[in-house]
PDB file of all heavy atoms in Angstrom:
ATOM      1  N   ASN A   1      30.356  43.923 -10.121  1.00  0.00           N
ATOM      2  CA  ASN A   1      29.347  43.246  -9.324  1.00  0.00           C
ATOM      3  C   ASN A   1      28.266  44.190  -8.814  1.00  0.00           C
ATOM      4  O   ASN A   1      27.304  43.722  -8.127  1.00  0.00           O
ATOM      5  CB  ASN A   1      29.986  42.487  -8.100  1.00  0.00           C
ATOM      6  CG  ASN A   1      30.869  43.368  -7.284  1.00  0.00           C
ATOM      7  OD1 ASN A   1      30.724  44.547  -7.156  1.00  0.00           O
ATOM      8  ND2 ASN A   1      31.958  42.708  -6.753  1.00  0.00           N
ATOM      9  N   THR A   2      28.307  45.403  -9.128  1.00  0.00           N
ATOM     10  CA  THR A   2      27.227  46.304  -8.919  1.00  0.00           C
ATOM     11  C   THR A   2      27.001  47.272 -10.180  1.00  0.00           C
ATOM     12  O   THR A   2      28.023  47.457 -10.912  1.00  0.00           O
ATOM     13  CB  THR A   2      27.513  47.242  -7.701  1.00  0.00           C
ATOM     14  OG1 THR A   2      28.680  47.980  -7.902  1.00  0.00           O
ATOM     15  CG2 THR A   2      27.515  46.452  -6.446  1.00  0.00           C
ATOM     16  N   ALA A   3      25.796  47.631 -10.487  1.00  0.00           N
ATOM     17  CA  ALA A   3      25.570  48.514 -11.652  1.00  0.00           C
ATOM     18  C   ALA A   3      24.166  49.123 -11.450  1.00  0.00           C
ATOM     19  O   ALA A   3      23.454  48.790 -10.490  1.00  0.00           O
ATOM     20  CB  ALA A   3      25.563  47.651 -12.962  1.00  0.00           C
ATOM     21  N   THR A   4      23.899  50.022 -12.355  1.00  0.00           N
ATOM     22  CA  THR A   4      22.546  50.628 -12.372  1.00  0.00           C
ATOM     23  C   THR A   4      21.823  50.291 -13.636  1.00  0.00           C
ATOM     24  O   THR A   4      22.385  50.193 -14.668  1.00  0.00           O
ATOM     25  CB  THR A   4      22.641  52.155 -12.354  1.00  0.00           C
ATOM     26  OG1 THR A   4      23.354  52.619 -11.124  1.00  0.00           O
ATOM     27  CG2 THR A   4      21.287  52.845 -12.287  1.00  0.00           C
ATOM     28  N   LEU A   5      20.474  49.881 -13.477  1.00  0.00           N
ATOM     29  CA  LEU A   5      19.626  49.541 -14.583  1.00  0.00           C
ATOM     30  C   LEU A   5      18.588  50.584 -14.808  1.00  0.00           C
ATOM     31  O   LEU A   5      17.942  51.013 -13.842  1.00  0.00           O
ATOM     32  CB  LEU A   5      18.948  48.196 -14.351  1.00  0.00           C
ATOM     33  CG  LEU A   5      17.987  47.763 -15.377  1.00  0.00           C
ATOM     34  CD1 LEU A   5      18.630  47.422 -16.697  1.00  0.00           C
ATOM     35  CD2 LEU A   5      17.225  46.510 -14.887  1.00  0.00           C
ATOM     36  N   SER A   6      18.542  51.217 -15.949  1.00  0.00           N
ATOM     37  CA  SER A   6      17.576  52.303 -16.215  1.00  0.00           C
ATOM     38  C   SER A   6      17.049  52.033 -17.652  1.00  0.00           C
ATOM     39  O   SER A   6      17.282  51.079 -18.261  1.00  0.00           O
ATOM     40  CB  SER A   6      18.164  53.626 -16.083  1.00  0.00           C
ATOM     41  OG  SER A   6      19.411  53.866 -16.809  1.00  0.00           O
ATOM     42  N   SER A   7      16.320  53.094 -18.078  1.00  0.00           N
ATOM     43  CA  SER A   7      15.495  52.965 -19.330  1.00  0.00           C
ATOM     44  C   SER A   7      16.432  52.495 -20.483  1.00  0.00           C
ATOM     45  O   SER A   7      17.470  53.074 -20.768  1.00  0.00           O
ATOM     46  CB  SER A   7      14.921  54.333 -19.693  1.00  0.00           C
ATOM     47  OG  SER A   7      14.123  54.313 -20.876  1.00  0.00           O
ATOM     48  N   GLY A   8      15.898  51.510 -21.228  1.00  0.00           N
ATOM     49  CA  GLY A   8      16.525  51.033 -22.470  1.00  0.00           C
ATOM     50  C   GLY A   8      17.662  50.055 -22.240  1.00  0.00           C
ATOM     51  O   GLY A   8      18.309  49.588 -23.178  1.00  0.00           O
ATOM     52  N   GLN A   9      17.806  49.579 -20.995  1.00  0.00           N
ATOM     53  CA  GLN A   9      18.928  48.672 -20.597  1.00  0.00           C
ATOM     54  C   GLN A   9      18.380  47.288 -20.223  1.00  0.00           C
ATOM     55  O   GLN A   9      17.234  47.186 -19.876  1.00  0.00           O
ATOM     56  CB  GLN A   9      19.792  49.335 -19.547  1.00  0.00           C
ATOM     57  CG  GLN A   9      20.415  50.565 -19.900  1.00  0.00           C
ATOM     58  CD  GLN A   9      21.176  51.290 -18.771  1.00  0.00           C
ATOM     59  OE1 GLN A   9      20.854  51.056 -17.651  1.00  0.00           O
ATOM     60  NE2 GLN A   9      22.170  52.164 -19.118  1.00  0.00           N
ATOM     61  N   ASP A  10      19.254  46.299 -20.195  1.00  0.00           N
ATOM     62  CA  ASP A  10      18.876  44.993 -19.610  1.00  0.00           C
ATOM     63  C   ASP A  10      19.898  44.624 -18.555  1.00  0.00           C
ATOM     64  O   ASP A  10      20.983  45.089 -18.500  1.00  0.00           O
ATOM     65  CB  ASP A  10      18.868  43.934 -20.697  1.00  0.00           C
ATOM     66  CG  ASP A  10      20.136  43.627 -21.340  1.00  0.00           C
ATOM     67  OD1 ASP A  10      20.956  42.865 -20.600  1.00  0.00           O
ATOM     68  OD2 ASP A  10      20.421  44.001 -22.414  1.00  0.00           O
ATOM     69  N   ALA A  11      19.483  43.901 -17.571  1.00  0.00           N
ATOM     70  CA  ALA A  11      20.246  43.595 -16.362  1.00  0.00           C
ATOM     71  C   ALA A  11      21.530  42.907 -16.610  1.00  0.00           C
ATOM     72  O   ALA A  11      22.512  43.296 -16.060  1.00  0.00           O
ATOM     73  CB  ALA A  11      19.377  42.812 -15.348  1.00  0.00           C
ATOM     74  N   TYR A  12      21.485  41.738 -17.406  1.00  0.00           N
ATOM     75  CA  TYR A  12      22.724  41.067 -17.625  1.00  0.00           C
ATOM     76  C   TYR A  12      23.830  41.881 -18.261  1.00  0.00           C
ATOM     77  O   TYR A  12      24.953  41.924 -17.858  1.00  0.00           O
ATOM     78  CB  TYR A  12      22.404  39.858 -18.431  1.00  0.00           C
ATOM     79  CG  TYR A  12      21.569  38.804 -17.694  1.00  0.00           C
ATOM     80  CD1 TYR A  12      20.305  38.469 -18.204  1.00  0.00           C
ATOM     81  CD2 TYR A  12      21.899  38.187 -16.524  1.00  0.00           C
ATOM     82  CE1 TYR A  12      19.453  37.499 -17.552  1.00  0.00           C
ATOM     83  CE2 TYR A  12      21.121  37.365 -15.799  1.00  0.00           C
ATOM     84  CZ  TYR A  12      19.859  37.017 -16.331  1.00  0.00           C
ATOM     85  OH  TYR A  12      19.064  36.094 -15.705  1.00  0.00           O
ATOM     86  N   THR A  13      23.435  42.552 -19.363  1.00  0.00           N
ATOM     87  CA  THR A  13      24.442  43.403 -20.095  1.00  0.00           C
ATOM     88  C   THR A  13      25.031  44.474 -19.124  1.00  0.00           C
ATOM     89  O   THR A  13      26.288  44.726 -19.323  1.00  0.00           O
ATOM     90  CB  THR A  13      23.768  44.049 -21.322  1.00  0.00           C
ATOM     91  OG1 THR A  13      23.233  42.988 -22.183  1.00  0.00           O
ATOM     92  CG2 THR A  13      24.778  44.835 -22.141  1.00  0.00           C
ATOM     93  N   GLN A  14      24.286  45.002 -18.293  1.00  0.00           N
ATOM     94  CA  GLN A  14      24.731  46.108 -17.412  1.00  0.00           C
ATOM     95  C   GLN A  14      25.890  45.492 -16.542  1.00  0.00           C
ATOM     96  O   GLN A  14      26.689  46.332 -16.050  1.00  0.00           O
ATOM     97  CB  GLN A  14      23.724  46.630 -16.529  1.00  0.00           C
ATOM     98  CG  GLN A  14      22.730  47.576 -17.339  1.00  0.00           C
ATOM     99  CD  GLN A  14      23.456  48.642 -18.040  1.00  0.00           C
ATOM    100  OE1 GLN A  14      23.551  48.687 -19.279  1.00  0.00           O
ATOM    101  NE2 GLN A  14      23.870  49.745 -17.320  1.00  0.00           N
ATOM    102  N   LEU A  15      25.859  44.251 -16.208  1.00  0.00           N
ATOM    103  CA  LEU A  15      26.918  43.588 -15.431  1.00  0.00           C
ATOM    104  C   LEU A  15      28.008  43.026 -16.255  1.00  0.00           C
ATOM    105  O   LEU A  15      28.980  42.471 -15.737  1.00  0.00           O
ATOM    106  CB  LEU A  15      26.373  42.579 -14.535  1.00  0.00           C
ATOM    107  CG  LEU A  15      25.310  43.172 -13.401  1.00  0.00           C
ATOM    108  CD1 LEU A  15      24.522  42.055 -12.756  1.00  0.00           C
ATOM    109  CD2 LEU A  15      26.127  43.849 -12.317  1.00  0.00           C
ATOM    110  N   GLY A  16      27.852  43.127 -17.535  1.00  0.00           N
ATOM    111  CA  GLY A  16      28.917  42.575 -18.434  1.00  0.00           C
ATOM    112  C   GLY A  16      28.730  41.119 -18.864  1.00  0.00           C
ATOM    113  O   GLY A  16      29.620  40.482 -19.442  1.00  0.00           O
ATOM    114  N   LEU A  17      27.610  40.621 -18.467  1.00  0.00           N
ATOM    115  CA  LEU A  17      27.179  39.178 -18.682  1.00  0.00           C
ATOM    116  C   LEU A  17      26.698  38.938 -20.069  1.00  0.00           C
ATOM    117  O   LEU A  17      25.939  39.769 -20.534  1.00  0.00           O
ATOM    118  CB  LEU A  17      26.306  38.575 -17.650  1.00  0.00           C
ATOM    119  CG  LEU A  17      26.939  38.702 -16.178  1.00  0.00           C
ATOM    120  CD1 LEU A  17      25.831  38.409 -15.118  1.00  0.00           C
ATOM    121  CD2 LEU A  17      28.016  37.728 -16.111  1.00  0.00           C
ATOM    122  N   THR A  18      26.902  37.802 -20.607  1.00  0.00           N
ATOM    123  CA  THR A  18      26.426  37.444 -22.034  1.00  0.00           C
ATOM    124  C   THR A  18      24.898  37.306 -21.882  1.00  0.00           C
ATOM    125  O   THR A  18      24.491  36.695 -21.022  1.00  0.00           O
ATOM    126  CB  THR A  18      27.050  36.108 -22.512  1.00  0.00           C
ATOM    127  OG1 THR A  18      28.485  36.313 -22.529  1.00  0.00           O
ATOM    128  CG2 THR A  18      26.575  35.778 -23.918  1.00  0.00           C
ATOM    129  N   GLU A  19      24.184  37.789 -22.892  1.00  0.00           N
ATOM    130  CA  GLU A  19      22.784  37.607 -22.943  1.00  0.00           C
ATOM    131  C   GLU A  19      22.568  36.181 -23.368  1.00  0.00           C
ATOM    132  O   GLU A  19      23.238  35.647 -24.248  1.00  0.00           O
ATOM    133  CB  GLU A  19      22.246  38.615 -23.960  1.00  0.00           C
ATOM    134  CG  GLU A  19      22.287  40.084 -23.564  1.00  0.00           C
ATOM    135  CD  GLU A  19      21.772  40.949 -24.597  1.00  0.00           C
ATOM    136  OE1 GLU A  19      21.719  40.595 -25.817  1.00  0.00           O
ATOM    137  OE2 GLU A  19      21.371  42.068 -24.285  1.00  0.00           O
ATOM    138  N   PRO A  20      21.516  35.565 -22.854  1.00  0.00           N
ATOM    139  CA  PRO A  20      21.232  34.215 -23.133  1.00  0.00           C
ATOM    140  C   PRO A  20      20.590  34.000 -24.532  1.00  0.00           C
ATOM    141  O   PRO A  20      20.130  34.883 -25.134  1.00  0.00           O
ATOM    142  CB  PRO A  20      20.177  33.749 -22.055  1.00  0.00           C
ATOM    143  CG  PRO A  20      19.494  35.015 -21.648  1.00  0.00           C
ATOM    144  CD  PRO A  20      20.587  36.139 -21.847  1.00  0.00           C
ATOM    145  N   GLY A  21      20.619  32.769 -25.063  1.00  0.00           N
ATOM    146  CA  GLY A  21      19.966  32.427 -26.196  1.00  0.00           C
ATOM    147  C   GLY A  21      20.343  33.172 -27.475  1.00  0.00           C
ATOM    148  O   GLY A  21      21.520  33.274 -27.760  1.00  0.00           O
ATOM    149  N   SER A  22      19.417  33.869 -28.099  1.00  0.00           N
ATOM    150  CA  SER A  22      19.665  34.463 -29.404  1.00  0.00           C
ATOM    151  C   SER A  22      20.303  35.812 -29.292  1.00  0.00           C
ATOM    152  O   SER A  22      20.490  36.505 -30.313  1.00  0.00           O
ATOM    153  CB  SER A  22      18.334  34.636 -30.147  1.00  0.00           C
ATOM    154  OG  SER A  22      17.482  35.453 -29.399  1.00  0.00           O
ATOM    155  N   GLY A  23      20.679  36.223 -28.080  1.00  0.00           N
ATOM    156  CA  GLY A  23      21.334  37.540 -27.900  1.00  0.00           C
ATOM    157  C   GLY A  23      20.342  38.585 -27.335  1.00  0.00           C
ATOM    158  O   GLY A  23      20.768  39.760 -27.139  1.00  0.00           O
ATOM    159  N   THR A  24      19.060  38.216 -27.223  1.00  0.00           N
ATOM    160  CA  THR A  24      18.059  39.071 -26.761  1.00  0.00           C
ATOM    161  C   THR A  24      17.703  38.716 -25.311  1.00  0.00           C
ATOM    162  O   THR A  24      17.661  37.510 -24.988  1.00  0.00           O
ATOM    163  CB  THR A  24      16.747  39.206 -27.580  1.00  0.00           C
ATOM    164  OG1 THR A  24      16.320  37.839 -27.597  1.00  0.00           O
ATOM    165  CG2 THR A  24      17.205  39.700 -28.964  1.00  0.00           C
ATOM    166  N   ASP A  25      17.487  39.595 -24.417  1.00  0.00           N
ATOM    167  CA  ASP A  25      17.298  39.361 -23.036  1.00  0.00           C
ATOM    168  C   ASP A  25      16.007  39.909 -22.593  1.00  0.00           C
ATOM    169  O   ASP A  25      15.639  41.056 -22.935  1.00  0.00           O
ATOM    170  CB  ASP A  25      18.528  40.028 -22.263  1.00  0.00           C
ATOM    171  CG  ASP A  25      18.243  39.882 -20.764  1.00  0.00           C
ATOM    172  OD1 ASP A  25      17.554  38.953 -20.310  1.00  0.00           O
ATOM    173  OD2 ASP A  25      18.838  40.698 -19.998  1.00  0.00           O
ATOM    174  N   SER A  26      15.237  39.176 -21.860  1.00  0.00           N
ATOM    175  CA  SER A  26      13.918  39.561 -21.413  1.00  0.00           C
ATOM    176  C   SER A  26      14.027  40.341 -20.028  1.00  0.00           C
ATOM    177  O   SER A  26      13.023  40.979 -19.507  1.00  0.00           O
ATOM    178  CB  SER A  26      12.882  38.503 -21.246  1.00  0.00           C
ATOM    179  OG  SER A  26      13.377  37.451 -20.316  1.00  0.00           O
ATOM    180  N   GLU A  27      15.160  40.288 -19.330  1.00  0.00           N
ATOM    181  CA  GLU A  27      15.308  40.965 -18.057  1.00  0.00           C
ATOM    182  C   GLU A  27      15.683  42.444 -18.380  1.00  0.00           C
ATOM    183  O   GLU A  27      16.755  42.926 -17.950  1.00  0.00           O
ATOM    184  CB  GLU A  27      16.336  40.287 -17.188  1.00  0.00           C
ATOM    185  CG  GLU A  27      16.060  38.898 -16.799  1.00  0.00           C
ATOM    186  CD  GLU A  27      14.821  38.725 -15.936  1.00  0.00           C
ATOM    187  OE1 GLU A  27      14.118  39.676 -15.738  1.00  0.00           O
ATOM    188  OE2 GLU A  27      14.483  37.585 -15.526  1.00  0.00           O
ATOM    189  N   THR A  28      14.723  43.153 -19.059  1.00  0.00           N
ATOM    190  CA  THR A  28      14.945  44.518 -19.331  1.00  0.00           C
ATOM    191  C   THR A  28      14.249  45.468 -18.375  1.00  0.00           C
ATOM    192  O   THR A  28      13.395  45.066 -17.631  1.00  0.00           O
ATOM    193  CB  THR A  28      14.281  44.831 -20.705  1.00  0.00           C
ATOM    194  OG1 THR A  28      12.943  44.654 -20.690  1.00  0.00           O
ATOM    195  CG2 THR A  28      14.943  43.927 -21.756  1.00  0.00           C
ATOM    196  N   PHE A  29      14.742  46.723 -18.346  1.00  0.00           N
ATOM    197  CA  PHE A  29      14.147  47.711 -17.498  1.00  0.00           C
ATOM    198  C   PHE A  29      12.616  47.928 -17.739  1.00  0.00           C
ATOM    199  O   PHE A  29      11.833  47.931 -16.897  1.00  0.00           O
ATOM    200  CB  PHE A  29      14.829  49.076 -17.678  1.00  0.00           C
ATOM    201  CG  PHE A  29      14.292  50.145 -16.927  1.00  0.00           C
ATOM    202  CD1 PHE A  29      14.523  50.306 -15.508  1.00  0.00           C
ATOM    203  CD2 PHE A  29      13.368  51.142 -17.455  1.00  0.00           C
ATOM    204  CE1 PHE A  29      13.964  51.389 -14.800  1.00  0.00           C
ATOM    205  CE2 PHE A  29      12.840  52.168 -16.798  1.00  0.00           C
ATOM    206  CZ  PHE A  29      13.147  52.324 -15.416  1.00  0.00           C
ATOM    207  N   GLY A  30      12.225  47.822 -19.076  1.00  0.00           N
ATOM    208  CA  GLY A  30      10.905  47.972 -19.390  1.00  0.00           C
ATOM    209  C   GLY A  30      10.066  46.870 -18.864  1.00  0.00           C
ATOM    210  O   GLY A  30       8.909  47.099 -18.403  1.00  0.00           O
ATOM    211  N   ASN A  31      10.494  45.558 -18.971  1.00  0.00           N
ATOM    212  CA  ASN A  31       9.742  44.438 -18.380  1.00  0.00           C
ATOM    213  C   ASN A  31       9.635  44.654 -16.879  1.00  0.00           C
ATOM    214  O   ASN A  31       8.568  44.273 -16.211  1.00  0.00           O
ATOM    215  CB  ASN A  31      10.358  43.134 -18.803  1.00  0.00           C
ATOM    216  CG  ASN A  31      10.015  42.729 -20.172  1.00  0.00           C
ATOM    217  OD1 ASN A  31       9.094  43.279 -20.771  1.00  0.00           O
ATOM    218  ND2 ASN A  31      10.835  41.817 -20.685  1.00  0.00           N
ATOM    219  N   TRP A  32      10.757  44.985 -16.255  1.00  0.00           N
ATOM    220  CA  TRP A  32      10.641  45.088 -14.762  1.00  0.00           C
ATOM    221  C   TRP A  32       9.721  46.223 -14.343  1.00  0.00           C
ATOM    222  O   TRP A  32       8.989  46.058 -13.317  1.00  0.00           O
ATOM    223  CB  TRP A  32      12.061  45.449 -14.265  1.00  0.00           C
ATOM    224  CG  TRP A  32      12.990  44.218 -14.269  1.00  0.00           C
ATOM    225  CD1 TRP A  32      12.742  43.027 -14.922  1.00  0.00           C
ATOM    226  CD2 TRP A  32      14.265  44.045 -13.567  1.00  0.00           C
ATOM    227  NE1 TRP A  32      13.831  42.232 -14.634  1.00  0.00           N
ATOM    228  CE2 TRP A  32      14.730  42.807 -13.845  1.00  0.00           C
ATOM    229  CE3 TRP A  32      14.953  44.905 -12.706  1.00  0.00           C
ATOM    230  CZ2 TRP A  32      15.946  42.318 -13.308  1.00  0.00           C
ATOM    231  CZ3 TRP A  32      16.197  44.437 -12.093  1.00  0.00           C
ATOM    232  CH2 TRP A  32      16.655  43.112 -12.465  1.00  0.00           C
ATOM    233  N   VAL A  33       9.662  47.316 -15.069  1.00  0.00           N
ATOM    234  CA  VAL A  33       8.706  48.368 -14.759  1.00  0.00           C
ATOM    235  C   VAL A  33       7.236  47.809 -14.933  1.00  0.00           C
ATOM    236  O   VAL A  33       6.460  48.039 -14.077  1.00  0.00           O
ATOM    237  CB  VAL A  33       8.930  49.684 -15.565  1.00  0.00           C
ATOM    238  CG1 VAL A  33       7.798  50.676 -15.387  1.00  0.00           C
ATOM    239  CG2 VAL A  33      10.318  50.290 -15.217  1.00  0.00           C
ATOM    240  N   GLY A  34       7.009  47.142 -16.057  1.00  0.00           N
ATOM    241  CA  GLY A  34       5.784  46.563 -16.309  1.00  0.00           C
ATOM    242  C   GLY A  34       5.283  45.646 -15.248  1.00  0.00           C
ATOM    243  O   GLY A  34       4.163  45.583 -14.819  1.00  0.00           O
ATOM    244  N   GLY A  35       6.240  44.738 -14.708  1.00  0.00           N
ATOM    245  CA  GLY A  35       5.872  43.794 -13.717  1.00  0.00           C
ATOM    246  C   GLY A  35       5.592  44.510 -12.393  1.00  0.00           C
ATOM    247  O   GLY A  35       4.697  44.149 -11.619  1.00  0.00           O
ATOM    248  N   ASP A  36       6.263  45.618 -12.092  1.00  0.00           N
ATOM    249  CA  ASP A  36       6.039  46.391 -10.866  1.00  0.00           C
ATOM    250  C   ASP A  36       4.609  47.036 -10.900  1.00  0.00           C
ATOM    251  O   ASP A  36       3.844  46.918 -10.037  1.00  0.00           O
ATOM    252  CB  ASP A  36       7.125  47.443 -10.659  1.00  0.00           C
ATOM    253  CG  ASP A  36       8.259  46.974  -9.935  1.00  0.00           C
ATOM    254  OD1 ASP A  36       8.153  45.969  -9.089  1.00  0.00           O
ATOM    255  OD2 ASP A  36       9.421  47.512 -10.062  1.00  0.00           O
ATOM    256  N   THR A  37       4.380  47.716 -12.068  1.00  0.00           N
ATOM    257  CA  THR A  37       3.123  48.422 -12.088  1.00  0.00           C
ATOM    258  C   THR A  37       1.832  47.514 -12.200  1.00  0.00           C
ATOM    259  O   THR A  37       0.845  47.735 -11.576  1.00  0.00           O
ATOM    260  CB  THR A  37       3.047  49.319 -13.279  1.00  0.00           C
ATOM    261  OG1 THR A  37       3.310  48.578 -14.481  1.00  0.00           O
ATOM    262  CG2 THR A  37       4.118  50.458 -13.159  1.00  0.00           C
ATOM    263  N   LYS A  38       2.084  46.347 -12.739  1.00  0.00           N
ATOM    264  CA  LYS A  38       1.006  45.322 -12.771  1.00  0.00           C
ATOM    265  C   LYS A  38       0.731  44.825 -11.368  1.00  0.00           C
ATOM    266  O   LYS A  38      -0.421  44.350 -11.048  1.00  0.00           O
ATOM    267  CB  LYS A  38       1.451  44.129 -13.665  1.00  0.00           C
ATOM    268  CG  LYS A  38       0.364  43.006 -13.740  1.00  0.00           C
ATOM    269  CD  LYS A  38       0.858  41.889 -14.663  1.00  0.00           C
ATOM    270  CE  LYS A  38       1.831  40.939 -13.893  1.00  0.00           C
ATOM    271  NZ  LYS A  38       2.177  39.732 -14.636  1.00  0.00           N
ATOM    272  N   ASN A  39       1.689  44.834 -10.463  1.00  0.00           N
ATOM    273  CA  ASN A  39       1.450  44.310  -9.146  1.00  0.00           C
ATOM    274  C   ASN A  39       1.330  45.440  -8.136  1.00  0.00           C
ATOM    275  O   ASN A  39       1.508  45.220  -6.871  1.00  0.00           O
ATOM    276  CB  ASN A  39       2.609  43.413  -8.696  1.00  0.00           C
ATOM    277  CG  ASN A  39       2.588  42.113  -9.483  1.00  0.00           C
ATOM    278  OD1 ASN A  39       1.745  41.227  -9.088  1.00  0.00           O
ATOM    279  ND2 ASN A  39       3.388  41.903 -10.487  1.00  0.00           N
ATOM    280  N   GLY A  40       1.059  46.690  -8.561  1.00  0.00           N
ATOM    281  CA  GLY A  40       0.582  47.747  -7.702  1.00  0.00           C
ATOM    282  C   GLY A  40       1.735  48.681  -7.142  1.00  0.00           C
ATOM    283  O   GLY A  40       1.447  49.492  -6.340  1.00  0.00           O
ATOM    284  N   PHE A  41       2.881  48.569  -7.740  1.00  0.00           N
ATOM    285  CA  PHE A  41       3.999  49.411  -7.372  1.00  0.00           C
ATOM    286  C   PHE A  41       4.039  50.657  -8.315  1.00  0.00           C
ATOM    287  O   PHE A  41       3.723  50.500  -9.508  1.00  0.00           O
ATOM    288  CB  PHE A  41       5.326  48.728  -7.365  1.00  0.00           C
ATOM    289  CG  PHE A  41       5.485  47.596  -6.433  1.00  0.00           C
ATOM    290  CD1 PHE A  41       5.257  46.244  -6.835  1.00  0.00           C
ATOM    291  CD2 PHE A  41       5.658  47.835  -5.123  1.00  0.00           C
ATOM    292  CE1 PHE A  41       5.377  45.215  -5.980  1.00  0.00           C
ATOM    293  CE2 PHE A  41       5.827  46.792  -4.257  1.00  0.00           C
ATOM    294  CZ  PHE A  41       5.620  45.487  -4.591  1.00  0.00           C
ATOM    295  N   ALA A  42       4.403  51.799  -7.780  1.00  0.00           N
ATOM    296  CA  ALA A  42       4.695  52.925  -8.712  1.00  0.00           C
ATOM    297  C   ALA A  42       5.814  52.601  -9.635  1.00  0.00           C
ATOM    298  O   ALA A  42       6.762  51.884  -9.254  1.00  0.00           O
ATOM    299  CB  ALA A  42       5.046  54.198  -7.811  1.00  0.00           C
ATOM    300  N   ALA A  43       5.756  53.152 -10.865  1.00  0.00           N
ATOM    301  CA  ALA A  43       6.835  52.908 -11.817  1.00  0.00           C
ATOM    302  C   ALA A  43       8.177  53.413 -11.219  1.00  0.00           C
ATOM    303  O   ALA A  43       8.334  54.558 -10.942  1.00  0.00           O
ATOM    304  CB  ALA A  43       6.509  53.549 -13.164  1.00  0.00           C
ATOM    305  N   PRO A  44       9.194  52.554 -11.124  1.00  0.00           N
ATOM    306  CA  PRO A  44      10.546  53.012 -10.602  1.00  0.00           C
ATOM    307  C   PRO A  44      11.260  53.874 -11.740  1.00  0.00           C
ATOM    308  O   PRO A  44      10.956  53.684 -12.929  1.00  0.00           O
ATOM    309  CB  PRO A  44      11.210  51.747 -10.374  1.00  0.00           C
ATOM    310  CG  PRO A  44      10.648  50.717 -11.285  1.00  0.00           C
ATOM    311  CD  PRO A  44       9.194  51.155 -11.459  1.00  0.00           C
ATOM    312  N   THR A  45      12.205  54.585 -11.253  1.00  0.00           N
ATOM    313  CA  THR A  45      13.074  55.294 -12.219  1.00  0.00           C
ATOM    314  C   THR A  45      14.370  54.584 -12.528  1.00  0.00           C
ATOM    315  O   THR A  45      15.005  54.785 -13.518  1.00  0.00           O
ATOM    316  CB  THR A  45      13.557  56.736 -11.685  1.00  0.00           C
ATOM    317  OG1 THR A  45      14.161  56.507 -10.400  1.00  0.00           O
ATOM    318  CG2 THR A  45      12.267  57.576 -11.404  1.00  0.00           C
TER     319      THR A  45
END
């Protein structure tokens, strides 16, 4: 019920949850970093 998400990983898989749909997940570290920087936050590690 807790985990760490970092480069190259997706949130659901890190918690052991099945990825939705075709097996690809958009809740990735890369997308989250992109969303943060687009909205004025420094890129997280």
